[in-house]
Amino acid sequence: MTRDGLTRATPPPSGGPCVVCGRVSGAAVEVGYLERGSGPGLVQYACPEHAAAFSPGPVPGELGSDG
């Protein structure tokens, strides 16, 4: 690791807000995917504390081309 890697600003959190508590986490976990009638689907995220409460569901990479 370089000194620059230790001293530069932290990157913004990835993912979206937790579907349970609304907190944006740097370690957000994809917990679901909602298809929408128009436009792209919606990926659902959970913070690490709430992610274990969700049963595994499809995420965008797991869906076939036919939905």
N, C-alpha and C. Protein backbone atom coordinates (compact mmCIF):
# COMPACT_ATOMS: atom_id res chain seq x y z
N MET A 1 0.85 -1.17 0.00
CA MET A 1 0.00 0.00 0.00
C MET A 1 0.89 1.23 0.00
N THR A 2 0.44 2.24 -0.70
CA THR A 2 1.21 3.47 -0.77
C THR A 2 0.70 4.48 0.25
N ARG A 3 1.50 5.50 0.48
CA ARG A 3 1.08 6.56 1.40
C ARG A 3 -0.17 7.25 0.88
N ASP A 4 -0.26 7.42 -0.44
CA ASP A 4 -1.44 8.06 -1.03
C ASP A 4 -2.70 7.26 -0.73
N GLY A 5 -2.59 5.94 -0.72
CA GLY A 5 -3.74 5.10 -0.42
C GLY A 5 -4.23 5.26 1.01
N LEU A 6 -3.35 5.69 1.89
CA LEU A 6 -3.72 5.87 3.30
C LEU A 6 -4.19 7.28 3.62
N THR A 7 -3.81 8.25 2.81
CA THR A 7 -4.10 9.65 3.16
C THR A 7 -5.16 10.32 2.30
N ARG A 8 -5.53 9.75 1.19
CA ARG A 8 -6.55 10.42 0.36
C ARG A 8 -7.95 10.21 0.96
N ALA A 9 -8.89 10.99 0.48
CA ALA A 9 -10.26 10.95 1.01
C ALA A 9 -10.91 9.59 0.72
N THR A 10 -11.79 9.19 1.60
CA THR A 10 -12.51 7.93 1.39
C THR A 10 -13.53 8.10 0.28
N PRO A 11 -13.74 7.04 -0.51
CA PRO A 11 -14.74 7.14 -1.57
C PRO A 11 -16.15 7.19 -0.98
N PRO A 12 -17.09 7.72 -1.74
CA PRO A 12 -18.47 7.76 -1.23
C PRO A 12 -19.03 6.34 -1.11
N PRO A 13 -20.04 6.15 -0.26
CA PRO A 13 -20.63 4.82 -0.10
C PRO A 13 -21.20 4.31 -1.41
N SER A 14 -21.08 3.02 -1.65
CA SER A 14 -21.66 2.44 -2.85
C SER A 14 -23.03 1.88 -2.53
N GLY A 15 -23.80 1.63 -3.54
CA GLY A 15 -25.12 1.06 -3.31
C GLY A 15 -26.13 2.12 -2.91
N GLY A 16 -27.31 1.69 -2.59
CA GLY A 16 -28.38 2.60 -2.21
C GLY A 16 -28.69 2.50 -0.74
N PRO A 17 -29.74 3.19 -0.33
CA PRO A 17 -30.13 3.14 1.08
C PRO A 17 -30.70 1.77 1.46
N CYS A 18 -30.52 1.40 2.71
CA CYS A 18 -31.04 0.15 3.23
C CYS A 18 -32.58 0.18 3.18
N VAL A 19 -33.19 -0.92 2.72
CA VAL A 19 -34.65 -0.97 2.63
C VAL A 19 -35.31 -1.06 4.00
N VAL A 20 -34.54 -1.33 5.06
CA VAL A 20 -35.09 -1.41 6.40
C VAL A 20 -34.92 -0.10 7.15
N CYS A 21 -33.67 0.36 7.28
CA CYS A 21 -33.40 1.54 8.11
C CYS A 21 -33.10 2.80 7.31
N GLY A 22 -32.86 2.69 6.00
CA GLY A 22 -32.60 3.86 5.17
C GLY A 22 -31.17 4.36 5.20
N ARG A 23 -30.31 3.70 5.95
CA ARG A 23 -28.91 4.14 6.07
C ARG A 23 -28.13 3.73 4.82
N VAL A 24 -27.29 4.65 4.30
CA VAL A 24 -26.43 4.34 3.17
C VAL A 24 -25.12 3.81 3.74
N SER A 25 -24.71 2.64 3.29
CA SER A 25 -23.53 1.97 3.83
C SER A 25 -22.50 1.76 2.74
N GLY A 26 -21.23 1.81 3.11
CA GLY A 26 -20.16 1.51 2.18
C GLY A 26 -20.09 0.03 1.86
N ALA A 27 -20.78 -0.79 2.63
CA ALA A 27 -20.79 -2.23 2.42
C ALA A 27 -22.21 -2.72 2.15
N ALA A 28 -22.98 -1.95 1.39
CA ALA A 28 -24.36 -2.32 1.10
C ALA A 28 -24.41 -3.65 0.34
N VAL A 29 -25.41 -4.46 0.63
CA VAL A 29 -25.58 -5.78 0.03
C VAL A 29 -26.84 -5.77 -0.81
N GLU A 30 -26.75 -6.28 -2.04
CA GLU A 30 -27.95 -6.39 -2.88
C GLU A 30 -28.83 -7.49 -2.32
N VAL A 31 -30.09 -7.17 -2.03
CA VAL A 31 -30.98 -8.17 -1.45
C VAL A 31 -32.19 -8.47 -2.33
N GLY A 32 -32.36 -7.74 -3.41
CA GLY A 32 -33.49 -8.01 -4.28
C GLY A 32 -33.47 -7.12 -5.51
N TYR A 33 -34.39 -7.42 -6.40
CA TYR A 33 -34.51 -6.67 -7.65
C TYR A 33 -35.99 -6.61 -8.02
N LEU A 34 -36.48 -5.42 -8.30
CA LEU A 34 -37.88 -5.25 -8.67
C LEU A 34 -37.97 -4.86 -10.14
N GLU A 35 -38.68 -5.64 -10.93
CA GLU A 35 -38.94 -5.28 -12.31
C GLU A 35 -39.99 -4.18 -12.33
N ARG A 36 -39.85 -3.26 -13.27
CA ARG A 36 -40.85 -2.21 -13.41
C ARG A 36 -41.41 -2.26 -14.82
N GLY A 37 -42.63 -1.79 -14.98
CA GLY A 37 -43.30 -1.82 -16.27
C GLY A 37 -42.62 -0.95 -17.31
N SER A 38 -42.08 0.17 -16.89
CA SER A 38 -41.37 1.04 -17.82
C SER A 38 -40.07 1.47 -17.17
N GLY A 39 -39.03 1.50 -17.95
CA GLY A 39 -37.73 1.89 -17.44
C GLY A 39 -36.99 0.72 -16.83
N PRO A 40 -35.80 0.98 -16.33
CA PRO A 40 -35.00 -0.11 -15.76
C PRO A 40 -35.57 -0.58 -14.42
N GLY A 41 -35.19 -1.76 -14.03
CA GLY A 41 -35.61 -2.31 -12.74
C GLY A 41 -34.94 -1.58 -11.59
N LEU A 42 -35.32 -1.93 -10.39
CA LEU A 42 -34.81 -1.27 -9.19
C LEU A 42 -34.10 -2.29 -8.31
N VAL A 43 -32.83 -2.05 -8.04
CA VAL A 43 -32.06 -2.91 -7.16
C VAL A 43 -32.31 -2.48 -5.73
N GLN A 44 -32.59 -3.44 -4.85
CA GLN A 44 -32.81 -3.15 -3.44
C GLN A 44 -31.56 -3.52 -2.66
N TYR A 45 -31.17 -2.64 -1.73
CA TYR A 45 -29.97 -2.85 -0.92
C TYR A 45 -30.34 -2.91 0.56
N ALA A 46 -29.47 -3.53 1.33
CA ALA A 46 -29.60 -3.55 2.79
C ALA A 46 -28.22 -3.34 3.39
N CYS A 47 -28.18 -2.70 4.55
CA CYS A 47 -26.92 -2.54 5.27
C CYS A 47 -26.52 -3.92 5.81
N PRO A 48 -25.26 -4.12 6.16
CA PRO A 48 -24.83 -5.44 6.64
C PRO A 48 -25.62 -5.95 7.84
N GLU A 49 -26.09 -5.08 8.70
CA GLU A 49 -26.84 -5.51 9.87
C GLU A 49 -28.19 -6.12 9.50
N HIS A 50 -28.83 -5.62 8.44
CA HIS A 50 -30.16 -6.09 8.06
C HIS A 50 -30.14 -7.08 6.90
N ALA A 51 -29.02 -7.24 6.22
CA ALA A 51 -28.96 -8.10 5.04
C ALA A 51 -29.26 -9.56 5.36
N ALA A 52 -28.88 -10.03 6.54
CA ALA A 52 -29.10 -11.44 6.90
C ALA A 52 -30.58 -11.77 7.06
N ALA A 53 -31.44 -10.78 7.23
CA ALA A 53 -32.86 -11.03 7.42
C ALA A 53 -33.58 -11.34 6.10
N PHE A 54 -32.92 -11.12 4.97
CA PHE A 54 -33.55 -11.32 3.67
C PHE A 54 -33.20 -12.69 3.12
N SER A 55 -34.19 -13.35 2.53
CA SER A 55 -33.90 -14.60 1.85
C SER A 55 -33.26 -14.27 0.52
N PRO A 56 -32.40 -15.13 0.01
CA PRO A 56 -31.75 -14.83 -1.27
C PRO A 56 -32.78 -14.66 -2.38
N GLY A 57 -32.62 -13.65 -3.16
CA GLY A 57 -33.52 -13.37 -4.26
C GLY A 57 -32.73 -13.00 -5.49
N PRO A 58 -33.38 -12.85 -6.62
CA PRO A 58 -32.64 -12.53 -7.83
C PRO A 58 -32.09 -11.11 -7.79
N VAL A 59 -30.89 -10.97 -8.30
CA VAL A 59 -30.28 -9.66 -8.51
C VAL A 59 -30.06 -9.53 -10.00
N PRO A 60 -29.82 -8.34 -10.53
CA PRO A 60 -29.77 -8.15 -11.98
C PRO A 60 -28.90 -9.16 -12.74
N GLY A 61 -27.76 -9.55 -12.24
CA GLY A 61 -26.90 -10.49 -12.93
C GLY A 61 -27.45 -11.90 -12.98
N GLU A 62 -28.43 -12.22 -12.15
CA GLU A 62 -28.99 -13.56 -12.09
C GLU A 62 -30.23 -13.74 -12.95
N LEU A 63 -30.77 -12.65 -13.47
CA LEU A 63 -31.98 -12.73 -14.26
C LEU A 63 -31.64 -13.07 -15.70
N GLY A 64 -32.44 -13.91 -16.32
CA GLY A 64 -32.24 -14.26 -17.72
C GLY A 64 -32.67 -13.11 -18.62
N SER A 65 -32.46 -13.25 -19.91
CA SER A 65 -32.81 -12.20 -20.85
C SER A 65 -34.31 -12.02 -20.98
N ASP A 66 -35.11 -13.02 -20.60
CA ASP A 66 -36.56 -12.91 -20.69
C ASP A 66 -37.20 -12.42 -19.40
N GLY A 67 -36.38 -12.02 -18.40
CA GLY A 67 -36.92 -11.42 -17.18
C GLY A 67 -37.03 -12.40 -16.14
